[in-house]
PDB file of N, CA and C in Angstrom:
ATOM      1  N   MET A   1      57.403 -17.227  45.068  1.00  0.00           N
ATOM      2  CA  MET A   1      57.017 -18.280  44.160  1.00  0.00           C
ATOM      3  C   MET A   1      56.574 -19.477  44.975  1.00  0.00           C
ATOM      4  N   ALA A   2      55.527 -20.101  44.543  1.00  0.00           N
ATOM      5  CA  ALA A   2      55.012 -21.270  45.248  1.00  0.00           C
ATOM      6  C   ALA A   2      55.967 -22.443  45.074  1.00  0.00           C
ATOM      7  N   GLU A   3      55.980 -23.307  46.029  1.00  0.00           N
ATOM      8  CA  GLU A   3      56.831 -24.496  45.969  1.00  0.00           C
ATOM      9  C   GLU A   3      56.315 -25.413  44.868  1.00  0.00           C
ATOM     10  N   MET A   4      57.210 -25.810  43.957  1.00  0.00           N
ATOM     11  CA  MET A   4      56.819 -26.677  42.858  1.00  0.00           C
ATOM     12  C   MET A   4      57.129 -28.114  43.232  1.00  0.00           C
ATOM     13  N   GLU A   5      56.149 -28.970  43.071  1.00  0.00           N
ATOM     14  CA  GLU A   5      56.344 -30.352  43.447  1.00  0.00           C
ATOM     15  C   GLU A   5      56.161 -31.303  42.279  1.00  0.00           C
ATOM     16  N   ARG A   6      55.336 -30.957  41.310  1.00  0.00           N
ATOM     17  CA  ARG A   6      54.961 -31.914  40.287  1.00  0.00           C
ATOM     18  C   ARG A   6      55.285 -31.407  38.894  1.00  0.00           C
ATOM     19  N   ALA A   7      55.404 -32.371  38.000  1.00  0.00           N
ATOM     20  CA  ALA A   7      55.582 -32.052  36.590  1.00  0.00           C
ATOM     21  C   ALA A   7      54.232 -31.644  36.011  1.00  0.00           C
ATOM     22  N   ILE A   8      54.276 -30.832  34.969  1.00  0.00           N
ATOM     23  CA  ILE A   8      53.040 -30.477  34.275  1.00  0.00           C
ATOM     24  C   ILE A   8      53.199 -30.831  32.808  1.00  0.00           C
ATOM     25  N   GLU A   9      52.082 -31.027  32.144  1.00  0.00           N
ATOM     26  CA  GLU A   9      52.076 -31.235  30.702  1.00  0.00           C
ATOM     27  C   GLU A   9      51.459 -30.006  30.069  1.00  0.00           C
ATOM     28  N   ALA A  10      52.052 -29.588  28.951  1.00  0.00           N
ATOM     29  CA  ALA A  10      51.558 -28.421  28.235  1.00  0.00           C
ATOM     30  C   ALA A  10      51.480 -28.759  26.754  1.00  0.00           C
ATOM     31  N   THR A  11      50.584 -28.068  26.053  1.00  0.00           N
ATOM     32  CA  THR A  11      50.423 -28.288  24.617  1.00  0.00           C
ATOM     33  C   THR A  11      50.591 -26.973  23.878  1.00  0.00           C
ATOM     34  N   GLY A  12      50.864 -27.093  22.592  1.00  0.00           N
ATOM     35  CA  GLY A  12      51.000 -25.914  21.748  1.00  0.00           C
ATOM     36  C   GLY A  12      51.023 -26.329  20.292  1.00  0.00           C
ATOM     37  N   ALA A  13      51.046 -25.341  19.407  1.00  0.00           N
ATOM     38  CA  ALA A  13      51.064 -25.620  17.976  1.00  0.00           C
ATOM     39  C   ALA A  13      52.324 -26.378  17.577  1.00  0.00           C
ATOM     40  N   ASP A  14      53.424 -26.098  18.266  1.00  0.00           N
ATOM     41  CA  ASP A  14      54.671 -26.832  18.055  1.00  0.00           C
ATOM     42  C   ASP A  14      55.354 -26.989  19.409  1.00  0.00           C
ATOM     43  N   VAL A  15      56.497 -27.647  19.424  1.00  0.00           N
ATOM     44  CA  VAL A  15      57.181 -27.929  20.694  1.00  0.00           C
ATOM     45  C   VAL A  15      57.553 -26.633  21.412  1.00  0.00           C
ATOM     46  N   GLU A  16      58.080 -25.649  20.679  1.00  0.00           N
ATOM     47  CA  GLU A  16      58.476 -24.385  21.315  1.00  0.00           C
ATOM     48  C   GLU A  16      57.278 -23.681  21.953  1.00  0.00           C
ATOM     49  N   ALA A  17      56.139 -23.693  21.285  1.00  0.00           N
ATOM     50  CA  ALA A  17      54.937 -23.067  21.836  1.00  0.00           C
ATOM     51  C   ALA A  17      54.462 -23.816  23.077  1.00  0.00           C
ATOM     52  N   ALA A  18      54.559 -25.133  23.054  1.00  0.00           N
ATOM     53  CA  ALA A  18      54.154 -25.927  24.214  1.00  0.00           C
ATOM     54  C   ALA A  18      55.070 -25.650  25.401  1.00  0.00           C
ATOM     55  N   VAL A  19      56.372 -25.555  25.145  1.00  0.00           N
ATOM     56  CA  VAL A  19      57.327 -25.253  26.217  1.00  0.00           C
ATOM     57  C   VAL A  19      57.049 -23.864  26.785  1.00  0.00           C
ATOM     58  N   ALA A  20      56.837 -22.884  25.913  1.00  0.00           N
ATOM     59  CA  ALA A  20      56.557 -21.520  26.369  1.00  0.00           C
ATOM     60  C   ALA A  20      55.291 -21.482  27.220  1.00  0.00           C
ATOM     61  N   SER A  21      54.284 -22.244  26.822  1.00  0.00           N
ATOM     62  CA  SER A  21      53.040 -22.306  27.585  1.00  0.00           C
ATOM     63  C   SER A  21      53.280 -22.889  28.977  1.00  0.00           C
ATOM     64  N   GLY A  22      54.034 -23.970  29.041  1.00  0.00           N
ATOM     65  CA  GLY A  22      54.326 -24.596  30.327  1.00  0.00           C
ATOM     66  C   GLY A  22      55.163 -23.709  31.232  1.00  0.00           C
ATOM     67  N   LEU A  23      56.155 -23.030  30.656  1.00  0.00           N
ATOM     68  CA  LEU A  23      56.988 -22.125  31.454  1.00  0.00           C
ATOM     69  C   LEU A  23      56.157 -20.978  32.017  1.00  0.00           C
ATOM     70  N   ALA A  24      55.223 -20.474  31.219  1.00  0.00           N
ATOM     71  CA  ALA A  24      54.350 -19.399  31.694  1.00  0.00           C
ATOM     72  C   ALA A  24      53.467 -19.888  32.837  1.00  0.00           C
ATOM     73  N   ARG A  25      52.954 -21.108  32.724  1.00  0.00           N
ATOM     74  CA  ARG A  25      52.108 -21.656  33.798  1.00  0.00           C
ATOM     75  C   ARG A  25      52.890 -21.817  35.090  1.00  0.00           C
ATOM     76  N   LEU A  26      54.153 -22.270  34.965  1.00  0.00           N
ATOM     77  CA  LEU A  26      54.975 -22.466  36.161  1.00  0.00           C
ATOM     78  C   LEU A  26      55.577 -21.164  36.667  1.00  0.00           C
ATOM     79  N   GLY A  27      55.734 -20.204  35.775  1.00  0.00           N
ATOM     80  CA  GLY A  27      56.339 -18.936  36.167  1.00  0.00           C
ATOM     81  C   GLY A  27      57.839 -19.051  36.405  1.00  0.00           C
ATOM     82  N   VAL A  28      58.508 -19.886  35.613  1.00  0.00           N
ATOM     83  CA  VAL A  28      59.948 -20.083  35.782  1.00  0.00           C
ATOM     84  C   VAL A  28      60.657 -19.945  34.438  1.00  0.00           C
ATOM     85  N   ASP A  29      61.984 -19.893  34.491  1.00  0.00           N
ATOM     86  CA  ASP A  29      62.800 -19.861  33.283  1.00  0.00           C
ATOM     87  C   ASP A  29      63.050 -21.276  32.793  1.00  0.00           C
ATOM     88  N   ARG A  30      63.523 -21.359  31.561  1.00  0.00           N
ATOM     89  CA  ARG A  30      63.813 -22.654  30.942  1.00  0.00           C
ATOM     90  C   ARG A  30      64.883 -23.424  31.718  1.00  0.00           C
ATOM     91  N   ASP A  31      65.806 -22.717  32.364  1.00  0.00           N
ATOM     92  CA  ASP A  31      66.881 -23.367  33.119  1.00  0.00           C
ATOM     93  C   ASP A  31      66.375 -24.072  34.376  1.00  0.00           C
ATOM     94  N   ALA A  32      65.169 -23.749  34.824  1.00  0.00           N
ATOM     95  CA  ALA A  32      64.654 -24.293  36.080  1.00  0.00           C
ATOM     96  C   ALA A  32      63.860 -25.585  35.898  1.00  0.00           C
ATOM     97  N   VAL A  33      63.751 -26.058  34.652  1.00  0.00           N
ATOM     98  CA  VAL A  33      62.969 -27.267  34.395  1.00  0.00           C
ATOM     99  C   VAL A  33      63.712 -28.210  33.459  1.00  0.00           C
ATOM    100  N   GLU A  34      63.333 -29.473  33.538  1.00  0.00           N
ATOM    101  CA  GLU A  34      63.748 -30.457  32.543  1.00  0.00           C
ATOM    102  C   GLU A  34      62.564 -30.618  31.602  1.00  0.00           C
ATOM    103  N   ILE A  35      62.842 -30.704  30.314  1.00  0.00           N
ATOM    104  CA  ILE A  35      61.775 -30.770  29.318  1.00  0.00           C
ATOM    105  C   ILE A  35      61.800 -32.130  28.640  1.00  0.00           C
ATOM    106  N   GLU A  36      60.638 -32.770  28.626  1.00  0.00           N
ATOM    107  CA  GLU A  36      60.484 -34.065  27.966  1.00  0.00           C
ATOM    108  C   GLU A  36      59.424 -33.907  26.874  1.00  0.00           C
ATOM    109  N   VAL A  37      59.798 -34.167  25.635  1.00  0.00           N
ATOM    110  CA  VAL A  37      58.856 -34.055  24.519  1.00  0.00           C
ATOM    111  C   VAL A  37      58.048 -35.346  24.450  1.00  0.00           C
ATOM    112  N   LEU A  38      56.749 -35.230  24.649  1.00  0.00           N
ATOM    113  CA  LEU A  38      55.862 -36.392  24.618  1.00  0.00           C
ATOM    114  C   LEU A  38      55.343 -36.657  23.210  1.00  0.00           C
ATOM    115  N   ASP A  39      55.042 -35.588  22.480  1.00  0.00           N
ATOM    116  CA  ASP A  39      54.530 -35.715  21.116  1.00  0.00           C
ATOM    117  C   ASP A  39      54.906 -34.445  20.369  1.00  0.00           C
ATOM    118  N   GLU A  40      55.623 -34.581  19.264  1.00  0.00           N
ATOM    119  CA  GLU A  40      56.023 -33.408  18.490  1.00  0.00           C
ATOM    120  C   GLU A  40      54.855 -32.818  17.716  1.00  0.00           C
ATOM    121  N   GLY A  41      53.743 -33.524  17.681  1.00  0.00           N
ATOM    122  CA  GLY A  41      52.567 -33.040  16.977  1.00  0.00           C
ATOM    123  C   GLY A  41      52.731 -33.170  15.477  1.00  0.00           C
ATOM    124  N   SER A  42      51.686 -32.811  14.760  1.00  0.00           N
ATOM    125  CA  SER A  42      51.740 -32.827  13.297  1.00  0.00           C
ATOM    126  C   SER A  42      50.743 -31.811  12.775  1.00  0.00           C
ATOM    127  N   ARG A  43      51.011 -31.344  11.584  1.00  0.00           N
ATOM    128  CA  ARG A  43      50.115 -30.356  10.992  1.00  0.00           C
ATOM    129  C   ARG A  43      48.940 -31.006  10.283  1.00  0.00           C
ATOM    130  N   GLY A  44      49.080 -32.235   9.919  1.00  0.00           N
ATOM    131  CA  GLY A  44      48.001 -32.889   9.186  1.00  0.00           C
ATOM    132  C   GLY A  44      48.038 -32.487   7.719  1.00  0.00           C
ATOM    133  N   VAL A  45      47.155 -33.048   6.953  1.00  0.00           N
ATOM    134  CA  VAL A  45      47.082 -32.761   5.524  1.00  0.00           C
ATOM    135  C   VAL A  45      46.276 -31.486   5.317  1.00  0.00           C
ATOM    136  N   PHE A  46      46.874 -30.522   4.646  1.00  0.00           N
ATOM    137  CA  PHE A  46      46.228 -29.234   4.386  1.00  0.00           C
ATOM    138  C   PHE A  46      45.747 -28.559   5.672  1.00  0.00           C
ATOM    139  N   GLY A  47      46.462 -28.826   6.771  1.00  0.00           N
ATOM    140  CA  GLY A  47      46.106 -28.200   8.038  1.00  0.00           C
ATOM    141  C   GLY A  47      44.946 -28.869   8.753  1.00  0.00           C
ATOM    142  N   LEU A  48      44.461 -29.988   8.219  1.00  0.00           N
ATOM    143  CA  LEU A  48      43.340 -30.685   8.845  1.00  0.00           C
ATOM    144  C   LEU A  48      43.835 -31.950   9.528  1.00  0.00           C
ATOM    145  N   GLY A  49      43.265 -32.257  10.659  1.00  0.00           N
ATOM    146  CA  GLY A  49      43.604 -33.488  11.361  1.00  0.00           C
ATOM    147  C   GLY A  49      44.947 -33.443  12.057  1.00  0.00           C
ATOM    148  N   GLY A  50      45.443 -32.265  12.326  1.00  0.00           N
ATOM    149  CA  GLY A  50      46.736 -32.141  12.995  1.00  0.00           C
ATOM    150  C   GLY A  50      46.626 -32.400  14.486  1.00  0.00           C
ATOM    151  N   ARG A  51      47.777 -32.686  15.087  1.00  0.00           N
ATOM    152  CA  ARG A  51      47.842 -32.891  16.539  1.00  0.00           C
ATOM    153  C   ARG A  51      48.711 -31.802  17.147  1.00  0.00           C
ATOM    154  N   ALA A  52      48.340 -31.373  18.320  1.00  0.00           N
ATOM    155  CA  ALA A  52      49.145 -30.392  19.046  1.00  0.00           C
ATOM    156  C   ALA A  52      50.378 -31.082  19.626  1.00  0.00           C
ATOM    157  N   ALA A  53      51.451 -30.329  19.757  1.00  0.00           N
ATOM    158  CA  ALA A  53      52.657 -30.850  20.402  1.00  0.00           C
ATOM    159  C   ALA A  53      52.401 -30.907  21.905  1.00  0.00           C
ATOM    160  N   ARG A  54      52.953 -31.939  22.566  1.00  0.00           N
ATOM    161  CA  ARG A  54      52.802 -32.089  24.020  1.00  0.00           C
ATOM    162  C   ARG A  54      54.174 -32.238  24.643  1.00  0.00           C
ATOM    163  N   VAL A  55      54.391 -31.516  25.726  1.00  0.00           N
ATOM    164  CA  VAL A  55      55.650 -31.622  26.464  1.00  0.00           C
ATOM    165  C   VAL A  55      55.355 -31.764  27.946  1.00  0.00           C
ATOM    166  N   ARG A  56      56.297 -32.350  28.658  1.00  0.00           N
ATOM    167  CA  ARG A  56      56.211 -32.432  30.119  1.00  0.00           C
ATOM    168  C   ARG A  56      57.349 -31.583  30.663  1.00  0.00           C
ATOM    169  N   LEU A  57      57.025 -30.697  31.597  1.00  0.00           N
ATOM    170  CA  LEU A  57      58.023 -29.863  32.250  1.00  0.00           C
ATOM    171  C   LEU A  57      58.169 -30.341  33.680  1.00  0.00           C
ATOM    172  N   ILE A  58      59.382 -30.706  34.036  1.00  0.00           N
ATOM    173  CA  ILE A  58      59.662 -31.250  35.359  1.00  0.00           C
ATOM    174  C   ILE A  58      60.550 -30.260  36.098  1.00  0.00           C
ATOM    175  N   PRO A  59      60.047 -29.650  37.159  1.00  0.00           N
ATOM    176  CA  PRO A  59      60.879 -28.704  37.912  1.00  0.00           C
ATOM    177  C   PRO A  59      62.119 -29.391  38.462  1.00  0.00           C
ATOM    178  N   LYS A  60      63.260 -28.721  38.310  1.00  0.00           N
ATOM    179  CA  LYS A  60      64.502 -29.257  38.865  1.00  0.00           C
ATOM    180  C   LYS A  60      64.483 -29.036  40.363  1.00  0.00           C
ATOM    181  N   LEU A  61      64.980 -30.015  41.091  1.00  0.00           N
ATOM    182  CA  LEU A  61      65.046 -29.892  42.539  1.00  0.00           C
ATOM    183  C   LEU A  61      66.150 -28.926  42.900  1.00  0.00           C
ATOM    184  N   LYS A  62      65.882 -28.127  43.875  1.00  0.00           N
ATOM    185  CA  LYS A  62      66.915 -27.223  44.363  1.00  0.00           C
ATOM    186  C   LYS A  62      67.895 -28.038  45.179  1.00  0.00           C
ATOM    187  N   THR A  63      69.148 -27.908  44.854  1.00  0.00           N
ATOM    188  CA  THR A  63      70.155 -28.634  45.614  1.00  0.00           C
ATOM    189  C   THR A  63      70.670 -27.736  46.718  1.00  0.00           C
ATOM    190  N   VAL A  64      70.662 -28.269  47.897  1.00  0.00           N
ATOM    191  CA  VAL A  64      71.148 -27.535  49.059  1.00  0.00           C
ATOM    192  C   VAL A  64      72.511 -28.102  49.402  1.00  0.00           C
ATOM    193  N   PRO A  65      73.534 -27.258  49.421  1.00  0.00           N
ATOM    194  CA  PRO A  65      74.857 -27.793  49.739  1.00  0.00           C
ATOM    195  C   PRO A  65      74.898 -28.344  51.152  1.00  0.00           C
ATOM    196  N   ARG A  66      75.558 -29.468  51.276  1.00  0.00           N
ATOM    197  CA  ARG A  66      75.692 -30.063  52.602  1.00  0.00           C
ATOM    198  C   ARG A  66      76.737 -29.297  53.389  1.00  0.00           C
ATOM    199  N   PRO A  67      76.500 -29.118  54.679  1.00  0.00           N
ATOM    200  CA  PRO A  67      77.513 -28.423  55.479  1.00  0.00           C
ATOM    201  C   PRO A  67      78.757 -29.293  55.604  1.00  0.00           C
ATOM    202  N   ALA A  68      79.892 -28.640  55.703  1.00  0.00           N
ATOM    203  CA  ALA A  68      81.150 -29.370  55.864  1.00  0.00           C
ATOM    204  C   ALA A  68      81.122 -30.098  57.198  1.00  0.00           C
ATOM    205  N   PRO A  69      81.709 -31.289  57.251  1.00  0.00           N
ATOM    206  CA  PRO A  69      81.716 -32.012  58.523  1.00  0.00           C
ATOM    207  C   PRO A  69      82.487 -31.219  59.571  1.00  0.00           C
ATOM    208  N   ALA A  70      81.974 -31.285  60.772  1.00  0.00           N
ATOM    209  CA  ALA A  70      82.611 -30.556  61.868  1.00  0.00           C
ATOM    210  C   ALA A  70      83.947 -31.214  62.189  1.00  0.00           C
ATOM    211  N   VAL A  71      84.967 -30.402  62.217  1.00  0.00           N
ATOM    212  CA  VAL A  71      86.296 -30.906  62.549  1.00  0.00           C
ATOM    213  C   VAL A  71      86.497 -30.676  64.036  1.00  0.00           C
ATOM    214  N   PRO A  72      86.710 -31.748  64.791  1.00  0.00           N
ATOM    215  CA  PRO A  72      86.891 -31.548  66.232  1.00  0.00           C
ATOM    216  C   PRO A  72      88.176 -30.767  66.484  1.00  0.00           C
ATOM    217  N   SER A  73      88.036 -29.744  67.274  1.00  0.00           N
ATOM    218  CA  SER A  73      89.217 -28.947  67.598  1.00  0.00           C
ATOM    219  C   SER A  73      89.934 -29.583  68.779  1.00  0.00           C
ATOM    220  N   GLU A  74      91.200 -29.284  68.870  1.00  0.00           N
ATOM    221  CA  GLU A  74      91.968 -29.831  69.989  1.00  0.00           C
ATOM    222  C   GLU A  74      91.489 -29.161  71.267  1.00  0.00           C
ATOM    223  N   PRO A  75      91.421 -29.925  72.339  1.00  0.00           N
ATOM    224  CA  PRO A  75      90.958 -29.318  73.592  1.00  0.00           C
ATOM    225  C   PRO A  75      91.915 -28.212  74.028  1.00  0.00           C
ATOM    226  N   VAL A  76      91.329 -27.152  74.473  1.00  0.00           N
ATOM    227  CA  VAL A  76      92.119 -26.019  74.939  1.00  0.00           C
ATOM    228  C   VAL A  76      92.211 -26.127  76.452  1.00  0.00           C
ATOM    229  N   ALA A  77      93.443 -26.167  76.940  1.00  0.00           N
ATOM    230  CA  ALA A  77      93.647 -26.285  78.388  1.00  0.00           C
ATOM    231  C   ALA A  77      93.391 -24.931  79.031  1.00  0.00           C
ATOM    232  N   ALA A  78      92.650 -24.958  80.117  1.00  0.00           N
ATOM    233  CA  ALA A  78      92.390 -23.720  80.841  1.00  0.00           C
ATOM    234  C   ALA A  78      93.670 -23.313  81.562  1.00  0.00           C
ATOM    235  N   PRO A  79      93.958 -22.035  81.571  1.00  0.00           N
ATOM    236  CA  PRO A  79      95.176 -21.607  82.274  1.00  0.00           C
ATOM    237  C   PRO A  79      95.080 -21.961  83.761  1.00  0.00           C
ATOM    238  N   ALA A  80      96.177 -22.448  84.264  1.00  0.00           N
ATOM    239  CA  ALA A  80      96.218 -22.838  85.681  1.00  0.00           C
ATOM    240  C   ALA A  80      96.202 -21.586  86.547  1.00  0.00           C
ATOM    241  N   ALA A  81      95.377 -21.627  87.564  1.00  0.00           N
ATOM    242  CA  ALA A  81      95.294 -20.486  88.484  1.00  0.00           C
ATOM    243  C   ALA A  81      96.498 -20.511  89.415  1.00  0.00           C
ATOM    244  N   GLU A  82      97.140 -19.363  89.570  1.00  0.00           N
ATOM    245  CA  GLU A  82      98.307 -19.299  90.460  1.00  0.00           C
ATOM    246  C   GLU A  82      97.833 -19.082  91.889  1.00  0.00           C
ATOM    247  N   PRO A  83      98.482 -19.745  92.845  1.00  0.00           N
ATOM    248  CA  PRO A  83      98.037 -19.609  94.241  1.00  0.00           C
ATOM    249  C   PRO A  83      98.407 -18.309  94.876  1.00  0.00           C
TER     250      PRO A  83
END
């Protein structure tokens, strides 16, 4: 999968269709993005003059766990050489 850097806007007949369109474009699951509804759209009167729904899909950043801080170990004394 290509590295995702930017949010995209998608449209559809309703919000669910717009989200599905955006997810298909990104090639990810719904859990991998934050969804912002920009316009819920409208059907208009008798189906005329309606607006498409618009959503913005923002890819979630992958969180990389930080490594645990290194704990300094006690110095190990080298065994004394016997003469």
